[in-house]
PDB file of N, CA and C in Angstrom:
ATOM      1  N   MET A   1       8.993  17.437 -43.924  1.00  0.00           N
ATOM      2  CA  MET A   1       8.092  16.657 -43.098  1.00  0.00           C
ATOM      3  C   MET A   1       8.865  15.771 -42.116  1.00  0.00           C
ATOM      4  N   GLU A   2      10.005  15.310 -42.563  1.00  0.00           N
ATOM      5  CA  GLU A   2      10.806  14.454 -41.710  1.00  0.00           C
ATOM      6  C   GLU A   2      11.337  15.222 -40.502  1.00  0.00           C
ATOM      7  N   HIS A   3      11.625  16.500 -40.684  1.00  0.00           N
ATOM      8  CA  HIS A   3      12.128  17.330 -39.589  1.00  0.00           C
ATOM      9  C   HIS A   3      11.075  17.466 -38.477  1.00  0.00           C
ATOM     10  N   ALA A   4       9.817  17.641 -38.820  1.00  0.00           N
ATOM     11  CA  ALA A   4       8.740  17.755 -37.827  1.00  0.00           C
ATOM     12  C   ALA A   4       8.571  16.446 -37.070  1.00  0.00           C
ATOM     13  N   ASN A   5       8.697  15.333 -37.746  1.00  0.00           N
ATOM     14  CA  ASN A   5       8.570  14.025 -37.109  1.00  0.00           C
ATOM     15  C   ASN A   5       9.724  13.786 -36.143  1.00  0.00           C
ATOM     16  N   THR A   6      10.929  14.208 -36.503  1.00  0.00           N
ATOM     17  CA  THR A   6      12.091  14.063 -35.624  1.00  0.00           C
ATOM     18  C   THR A   6      11.933  14.952 -34.394  1.00  0.00           C
ATOM     19  N   SER A   7      11.407  16.142 -34.576  1.00  0.00           N
ATOM     20  CA  SER A   7      11.196  17.051 -33.460  1.00  0.00           C
ATOM     21  C   SER A   7      10.182  16.475 -32.464  1.00  0.00           C
ATOM     22  N   LEU A   8       9.142  15.860 -32.978  1.00  0.00           N
ATOM     23  CA  LEU A   8       8.144  15.235 -32.112  1.00  0.00           C
ATOM     24  C   LEU A   8       8.739  14.067 -31.353  1.00  0.00           C
ATOM     25  N   MET A   9       9.599  13.313 -31.995  1.00  0.00           N
ATOM     26  CA  MET A   9      10.218  12.156 -31.346  1.00  0.00           C
ATOM     27  C   MET A   9      11.148  12.571 -30.199  1.00  0.00           C
ATOM     28  N   THR A  10      11.745  13.747 -30.297  1.00  0.00           N
ATOM     29  CA  THR A  10      12.619  14.183 -29.206  1.00  0.00           C
ATOM     30  C   THR A  10      11.826  14.643 -27.991  1.00  0.00           C
ATOM     31  N   PHE A  11      10.624  15.169 -28.185  1.00  0.00           N
ATOM     32  CA  PHE A  11       9.804  15.630 -27.070  1.00  0.00           C
ATOM     33  C   PHE A  11       8.853  14.571 -26.535  1.00  0.00           C
ATOM     34  N   LEU A  12       8.703  13.461 -27.231  1.00  0.00           N
ATOM     35  CA  LEU A  12       7.783  12.409 -26.812  1.00  0.00           C
ATOM     36  C   LEU A  12       8.142  11.831 -25.439  1.00  0.00           C
ATOM     37  N   PRO A  13       9.410  11.507 -25.162  1.00  0.00           N
ATOM     38  CA  PRO A  13       9.719  11.012 -23.811  1.00  0.00           C
ATOM     39  C   PRO A  13       9.394  12.034 -22.720  1.00  0.00           C
ATOM     40  N   LEU A  14       9.625  13.316 -23.011  1.00  0.00           N
ATOM     41  CA  LEU A  14       9.304  14.354 -22.036  1.00  0.00           C
ATOM     42  C   LEU A  14       7.801  14.424 -21.799  1.00  0.00           C
ATOM     43  N   LEU A  15       7.020  14.316 -22.852  1.00  0.00           N
ATOM     44  CA  LEU A  15       5.563  14.352 -22.708  1.00  0.00           C
ATOM     45  C   LEU A  15       5.045  13.140 -21.947  1.00  0.00           C
ATOM     46  N   MET A  16       5.713  12.021 -22.088  1.00  0.00           N
ATOM     47  CA  MET A  16       5.300  10.821 -21.352  1.00  0.00           C
ATOM     48  C   MET A  16       5.733  10.904 -19.888  1.00  0.00           C
ATOM     49  N   PHE A  17       6.824  11.597 -19.613  1.00  0.00           N
ATOM     50  CA  PHE A  17       7.361  11.704 -18.265  1.00  0.00           C
ATOM     51  C   PHE A  17       6.633  12.765 -17.438  1.00  0.00           C
ATOM     52  N   LEU A  18       6.103  13.771 -18.077  1.00  0.00           N
ATOM     53  CA  LEU A  18       5.478  14.893 -17.389  1.00  0.00           C
ATOM     54  C   LEU A  18       4.314  14.484 -16.478  1.00  0.00           C
ATOM     55  N   PRO A  19       3.374  13.645 -16.916  1.00  0.00           N
ATOM     56  CA  PRO A  19       2.299  13.237 -15.986  1.00  0.00           C
ATOM     57  C   PRO A  19       2.828  12.479 -14.778  1.00  0.00           C
ATOM     58  N   LEU A  20       3.838  11.638 -14.979  1.00  0.00           N
ATOM     59  CA  LEU A  20       4.414  10.914 -13.841  1.00  0.00           C
ATOM     60  C   LEU A  20       5.087  11.872 -12.871  1.00  0.00           C
ATOM     61  N   LEU A  21       5.739  12.890 -13.397  1.00  0.00           N
ATOM     62  CA  LEU A  21       6.369  13.894 -12.554  1.00  0.00           C
ATOM     63  C   LEU A  21       5.322  14.651 -11.738  1.00  0.00           C
ATOM     64  N   LEU A  22       4.220  15.012 -12.369  1.00  0.00           N
ATOM     65  CA  LEU A  22       3.154  15.729 -11.654  1.00  0.00           C
ATOM     66  C   LEU A  22       2.523  14.859 -10.574  1.00  0.00           C
ATOM     67  N   ILE A  23       2.320  13.586 -10.868  1.00  0.00           N
ATOM     68  CA  ILE A  23       1.766  12.666  -9.869  1.00  0.00           C
ATOM     69  C   ILE A  23       2.736  12.520  -8.701  1.00  0.00           C
ATOM     70  N   GLY A  24       4.022  12.386  -9.008  1.00  0.00           N
ATOM     71  CA  GLY A  24       5.037  12.267  -7.959  1.00  0.00           C
ATOM     72  C   GLY A  24       5.097  13.506  -7.090  1.00  0.00           C
ATOM     73  N   LEU A  25       5.014  14.689  -7.698  1.00  0.00           N
ATOM     74  CA  LEU A  25       5.009  15.932  -6.917  1.00  0.00           C
ATOM     75  C   LEU A  25       3.753  16.035  -6.057  1.00  0.00           C
ATOM     76  N   GLY A  26       2.628  15.534  -6.568  1.00  0.00           N
ATOM     77  CA  GLY A  26       1.401  15.520  -5.769  1.00  0.00           C
ATOM     78  C   GLY A  26       1.537  14.627  -4.551  1.00  0.00           C
ATOM     79  N   PHE A  27       2.120  13.428  -4.732  1.00  0.00           N
ATOM     80  CA  PHE A  27       2.351  12.531  -3.596  1.00  0.00           C
ATOM     81  C   PHE A  27       3.326  13.146  -2.599  1.00  0.00           C
ATOM     82  N   LEU A  28       4.354  13.832  -3.084  1.00  0.00           N
ATOM     83  CA  LEU A  28       5.314  14.485  -2.194  1.00  0.00           C
ATOM     84  C   LEU A  28       4.639  15.587  -1.376  1.00  0.00           C
ATOM     85  N   ALA A  29       3.829  16.403  -2.031  1.00  0.00           N
ATOM     86  CA  ALA A  29       3.120  17.475  -1.324  1.00  0.00           C
ATOM     87  C   ALA A  29       2.165  16.888  -0.286  1.00  0.00           C
ATOM     88  N   PHE A  30       1.458  15.812  -0.632  1.00  0.00           N
ATOM     89  CA  PHE A  30       0.553  15.151   0.308  1.00  0.00           C
ATOM     90  C   PHE A  30       1.325  14.596   1.493  1.00  0.00           C
ATOM     91  N   TRP A  31       2.476  13.967   1.225  1.00  0.00           N
ATOM     92  CA  TRP A  31       3.302  13.379   2.278  1.00  0.00           C
ATOM     93  C   TRP A  31       3.783  14.462   3.251  1.00  0.00           C
ATOM     94  N   ILE A  32       4.247  15.579   2.717  1.00  0.00           N
ATOM     95  CA  ILE A  32       4.715  16.673   3.566  1.00  0.00           C
ATOM     96  C   ILE A  32       3.568  17.256   4.381  1.00  0.00           C
ATOM     97  N   TRP A  33       2.399  17.428   3.747  1.00  0.00           N
ATOM     98  CA  TRP A  33       1.249  17.972   4.460  1.00  0.00           C
ATOM     99  C   TRP A  33       0.827  17.054   5.610  1.00  0.00           C
ATOM    100  N   VAL A  34       0.787  15.750   5.375  1.00  0.00           N
ATOM    101  CA  VAL A  34       0.397  14.804   6.422  1.00  0.00           C
ATOM    102  C   VAL A  34       1.435  14.793   7.536  1.00  0.00           C
ATOM    103  N   LEU A  35       2.702  14.864   7.186  1.00  0.00           N
ATOM    104  CA  LEU A  35       3.750  14.883   8.201  1.00  0.00           C
ATOM    105  C   LEU A  35       3.642  16.132   9.081  1.00  0.00           C
ATOM    106  N   VAL A  36       3.398  17.274   8.471  1.00  0.00           N
ATOM    107  CA  VAL A  36       3.222  18.517   9.241  1.00  0.00           C
ATOM    108  C   VAL A  36       1.962  18.425  10.097  1.00  0.00           C
ATOM    109  N   ASP A  37       0.882  17.887   9.538  1.00  0.00           N
ATOM    110  CA  ASP A  37      -0.366  17.724  10.294  1.00  0.00           C
ATOM    111  C   ASP A  37      -0.149  16.836  11.505  1.00  0.00           C
ATOM    112  N   CYS A  38       0.568  15.760  11.319  1.00  0.00           N
ATOM    113  CA  CYS A  38       0.823  14.834  12.427  1.00  0.00           C
ATOM    114  C   CYS A  38       1.690  15.473  13.497  1.00  0.00           C
ATOM    115  N   THR A  39       2.716  16.189  13.105  1.00  0.00           N
ATOM    116  CA  THR A  39       3.622  16.765  14.104  1.00  0.00           C
ATOM    117  C   THR A  39       3.008  17.947  14.843  1.00  0.00           C
ATOM    118  N   THR A  40       2.101  18.677  14.202  1.00  0.00           N
ATOM    119  CA  THR A  40       1.561  19.863  14.856  1.00  0.00           C
ATOM    120  C   THR A  40       0.243  19.622  15.579  1.00  0.00           C
ATOM    121  N   LYS A  41      -0.565  18.691  15.128  1.00  0.00           N
ATOM    122  CA  LYS A  41      -1.906  18.537  15.700  1.00  0.00           C
ATOM    123  C   LYS A  41      -2.116  17.260  16.490  1.00  0.00           C
ATOM    124  N   GLU A  42      -1.223  16.323  16.367  1.00  0.00           N
ATOM    125  CA  GLU A  42      -1.351  15.074  17.121  1.00  0.00           C
ATOM    126  C   GLU A  42      -0.989  15.340  18.574  1.00  0.00           C
ATOM    127  N   PRO A  43      -1.846  14.931  19.521  1.00  0.00           N
ATOM    128  CA  PRO A  43      -1.519  15.155  20.934  1.00  0.00           C
ATOM    129  C   PRO A  43      -0.261  14.380  21.328  1.00  0.00           C
ATOM    130  N   SER A  44       0.518  14.978  22.192  1.00  0.00           N
ATOM    131  CA  SER A  44       1.791  14.357  22.570  1.00  0.00           C
ATOM    132  C   SER A  44       1.660  13.515  23.833  1.00  0.00           C
ATOM    133  N   GLN A  45       0.644  12.679  23.873  1.00  0.00           N
ATOM    134  CA  GLN A  45       0.449  11.779  24.999  1.00  0.00           C
ATOM    135  C   GLN A  45       1.148  10.465  24.693  1.00  0.00           C
ATOM    136  N   GLY A  46       2.073  10.095  25.535  1.00  0.00           N
ATOM    137  CA  GLY A  46       2.804   8.854  25.329  1.00  0.00           C
ATOM    138  C   GLY A  46       3.699   8.938  24.103  1.00  0.00           C
ATOM    139  N   ASN A  47       3.896   7.807  23.464  1.00  0.00           N
ATOM    140  CA  ASN A  47       4.775   7.740  22.297  1.00  0.00           C
ATOM    141  C   ASN A  47       4.015   7.660  20.985  1.00  0.00           C
ATOM    142  N   GLU A  48       2.704   7.791  21.018  1.00  0.00           N
ATOM    143  CA  GLU A  48       1.903   7.624  19.806  1.00  0.00           C
ATOM    144  C   GLU A  48       2.278   8.642  18.725  1.00  0.00           C
ATOM    145  N   ASN A  49       2.554   9.874  19.120  1.00  0.00           N
ATOM    146  CA  ASN A  49       2.947  10.907  18.170  1.00  0.00           C
ATOM    147  C   ASN A  49       4.238  10.507  17.453  1.00  0.00           C
ATOM    148  N   ILE A  50       5.228  10.068  18.210  1.00  0.00           N
ATOM    149  CA  ILE A  50       6.511   9.673  17.628  1.00  0.00           C
ATOM    150  C   ILE A  50       6.341   8.453  16.733  1.00  0.00           C
ATOM    151  N   VAL A  51       5.516   7.515  17.154  1.00  0.00           N
ATOM    152  CA  VAL A  51       5.287   6.309  16.346  1.00  0.00           C
ATOM    153  C   VAL A  51       4.668   6.670  15.008  1.00  0.00           C
ATOM    154  N   TRP A  52       3.670   7.555  14.998  1.00  0.00           N
ATOM    155  CA  TRP A  52       3.046   7.943  13.730  1.00  0.00           C
ATOM    156  C   TRP A  52       4.014   8.713  12.840  1.00  0.00           C
ATOM    157  N   ILE A  53       4.830   9.555  13.424  1.00  0.00           N
ATOM    158  CA  ILE A  53       5.833  10.273  12.625  1.00  0.00           C
ATOM    159  C   ILE A  53       6.792   9.279  11.986  1.00  0.00           C
ATOM    160  N   LEU A  54       7.253   8.302  12.748  1.00  0.00           N
ATOM    161  CA  LEU A  54       8.157   7.297  12.193  1.00  0.00           C
ATOM    162  C   LEU A  54       7.485   6.466  11.106  1.00  0.00           C
ATOM    163  N   ILE A  55       6.217   6.120  11.298  1.00  0.00           N
ATOM    164  CA  ILE A  55       5.493   5.369  10.271  1.00  0.00           C
ATOM    165  C   ILE A  55       5.411   6.184   8.981  1.00  0.00           C
ATOM    166  N   ILE A  56       5.061   7.451   9.114  1.00  0.00           N
ATOM    167  CA  ILE A  56       4.934   8.303   7.924  1.00  0.00           C
ATOM    168  C   ILE A  56       6.283   8.489   7.234  1.00  0.00           C
ATOM    169  N   VAL A  57       7.336   8.704   8.002  1.00  0.00           N
ATOM    170  CA  VAL A  57       8.656   8.947   7.411  1.00  0.00           C
ATOM    171  C   VAL A  57       9.199   7.698   6.726  1.00  0.00           C
ATOM    172  N   PHE A  58       9.124   6.552   7.392  1.00  0.00           N
ATOM    173  CA  PHE A  58       9.771   5.355   6.859  1.00  0.00           C
ATOM    174  C   PHE A  58       8.934   4.590   5.829  1.00  0.00           C
ATOM    175  N   THR A  59       7.628   4.820   5.792  1.00  0.00           N
ATOM    176  CA  THR A  59       6.807   4.108   4.794  1.00  0.00           C
ATOM    177  C   THR A  59       6.329   5.029   3.684  1.00  0.00           C
ATOM    178  N   SER A  60       6.791   6.258   3.701  1.00  0.00           N
ATOM    179  CA  SER A  60       6.535   7.218   2.627  1.00  0.00           C
ATOM    180  C   SER A  60       5.047   7.461   2.447  1.00  0.00           C
ATOM    181  N   TRP A  61       4.587   7.504   1.210  1.00  0.00           N
ATOM    182  CA  TRP A  61       3.207   7.886   0.932  1.00  0.00           C
ATOM    183  C   TRP A  61       2.212   6.833   1.404  1.00  0.00           C
ATOM    184  N   ILE A  62       2.632   5.576   1.545  1.00  0.00           N
ATOM    185  CA  ILE A  62       1.709   4.548   2.052  1.00  0.00           C
ATOM    186  C   ILE A  62       1.386   4.830   3.521  1.00  0.00           C
ATOM    187  N   GLY A  63       2.402   5.172   4.293  1.00  0.00           N
ATOM    188  CA  GLY A  63       2.176   5.540   5.684  1.00  0.00           C
ATOM    189  C   GLY A  63       1.349   6.804   5.806  1.00  0.00           C
ATOM    190  N   ALA A  64       1.562   7.742   4.881  1.00  0.00           N
ATOM    191  CA  ALA A  64       0.767   8.971   4.887  1.00  0.00           C
ATOM    192  C   ALA A  64      -0.703   8.662   4.611  1.00  0.00           C
ATOM    193  N   LEU A  65      -0.957   7.761   3.674  1.00  0.00           N
ATOM    194  CA  LEU A  65      -2.344   7.367   3.381  1.00  0.00           C
ATOM    195  C   LEU A  65      -2.976   6.667   4.579  1.00  0.00           C
ATOM    196  N   ILE A  66      -2.219   5.789   5.235  1.00  0.00           N
ATOM    197  CA  ILE A  66      -2.741   5.093   6.419  1.00  0.00           C
ATOM    198  C   ILE A  66      -3.084   6.103   7.512  1.00  0.00           C
ATOM    199  N   TYR A  67      -2.178   7.044   7.745  1.00  0.00           N
ATOM    200  CA  TYR A  67      -2.446   8.065   8.761  1.00  0.00           C
ATOM    201  C   TYR A  67      -3.681   8.885   8.392  1.00  0.00           C
ATOM    202  N   PHE A  68      -3.762   9.282   7.133  1.00  0.00           N
ATOM    203  CA  PHE A  68      -4.852  10.153   6.689  1.00  0.00           C
ATOM    204  C   PHE A  68      -6.212   9.464   6.814  1.00  0.00           C
ATOM    205  N   PHE A  69      -6.301   8.182   6.486  1.00  0.00           N
ATOM    206  CA  PHE A  69      -7.592   7.504   6.494  1.00  0.00           C
ATOM    207  C   PHE A  69      -7.902   6.781   7.795  1.00  0.00           C
ATOM    208  N   VAL A  70      -6.885   6.483   8.611  1.00  0.00           N
ATOM    209  CA  VAL A  70      -7.129   5.734   9.843  1.00  0.00           C
ATOM    210  C   VAL A  70      -7.017   6.634  11.071  1.00  0.00           C
ATOM    211  N   ARG A  71      -5.874   7.243  11.260  1.00  0.00           N
ATOM    212  CA  ARG A  71      -5.629   7.977  12.509  1.00  0.00           C
ATOM    213  C   ARG A  71      -6.244   9.374  12.517  1.00  0.00           C
ATOM    214  N   ARG A  72      -6.157  10.101  11.427  1.00  0.00           N
ATOM    215  CA  ARG A  72      -6.637  11.486  11.403  1.00  0.00           C
ATOM    216  C   ARG A  72      -8.130  11.584  11.746  1.00  0.00           C
ATOM    217  N   PRO A  73      -9.018  10.768  11.136  1.00  0.00           N
ATOM    218  CA  PRO A  73     -10.433  10.849  11.535  1.00  0.00           C
ATOM    219  C   PRO A  73     -10.648  10.474  13.001  1.00  0.00           C
ATOM    220  N   GLN A  74      -9.876   9.506  13.483  1.00  0.00           N
ATOM    221  CA  GLN A  74      -9.985   9.110  14.883  1.00  0.00           C
ATOM    222  C   GLN A  74      -9.545  10.257  15.796  1.00  0.00           C
ATOM    223  N   ARG A  75      -8.460  10.943  15.436  1.00  0.00           N
ATOM    224  CA  ARG A  75      -7.980  12.072  16.223  1.00  0.00           C
ATOM    225  C   ARG A  75      -8.998  13.207  16.223  1.00  0.00           C
ATOM    226  N   LYS A  76      -9.584  13.483  15.059  1.00  0.00           N
ATOM    227  CA  LYS A  76     -10.593  14.559  14.978  1.00  0.00           C
ATOM    228  C   LYS A  76     -11.802  14.242  15.851  1.00  0.00           C
ATOM    229  N   LYS A  77     -12.194  12.970  15.875  1.00  0.00           N
ATOM    230  CA  LYS A  77     -13.352  12.584  16.681  1.00  0.00           C
ATOM    231  C   LYS A  77     -13.031  12.669  18.163  1.00  0.00           C
ATOM    232  N   GLU A  78     -11.826  12.258  18.562  1.00  0.00           N
ATOM    233  CA  GLU A  78     -11.448  12.254  19.974  1.00  0.00           C
ATOM    234  C   GLU A  78     -11.110  13.644  20.509  1.00  0.00           C
ATOM    235  N   PHE A  79     -10.340  14.401  19.742  1.00  0.00           N
ATOM    236  CA  PHE A  79      -9.803  15.666  20.239  1.00  0.00           C
ATOM    237  C   PHE A  79     -10.361  16.897  19.532  1.00  0.00           C
ATOM    238  N   GLY A  80     -11.031  16.711  18.425  1.00  0.00           N
ATOM    239  CA  GLY A  80     -11.617  17.827  17.698  1.00  0.00           C
ATOM    240  C   GLY A  80     -10.604  18.700  16.973  1.00  0.00           C
ATOM    241  N   ALA A  81      -9.406  18.202  16.784  1.00  0.00           N
ATOM    242  CA  ALA A  81      -8.390  18.997  16.095  1.00  0.00           C
ATOM    243  C   ALA A  81      -7.833  18.258  14.909  1.00  0.00           C
TER     244      ALA A  81
END
């Protein structure tokens, strides 16, 4: 019985780390998707495109969330893309 308990104790940190890893990979995938969306669909008028790319790159997932909820709906309404 002690052997089964020891085996569980060795995998417990991995089981606790796995959800955090999945959440982190989800944020990474979202960040990459928003960055690609911004670079390909944002109109290149003035410096706004470059500014949003820099915001997304340097502020990580927080900048991606800001772009997704603030700029993306505004861009869709203005340009339809």
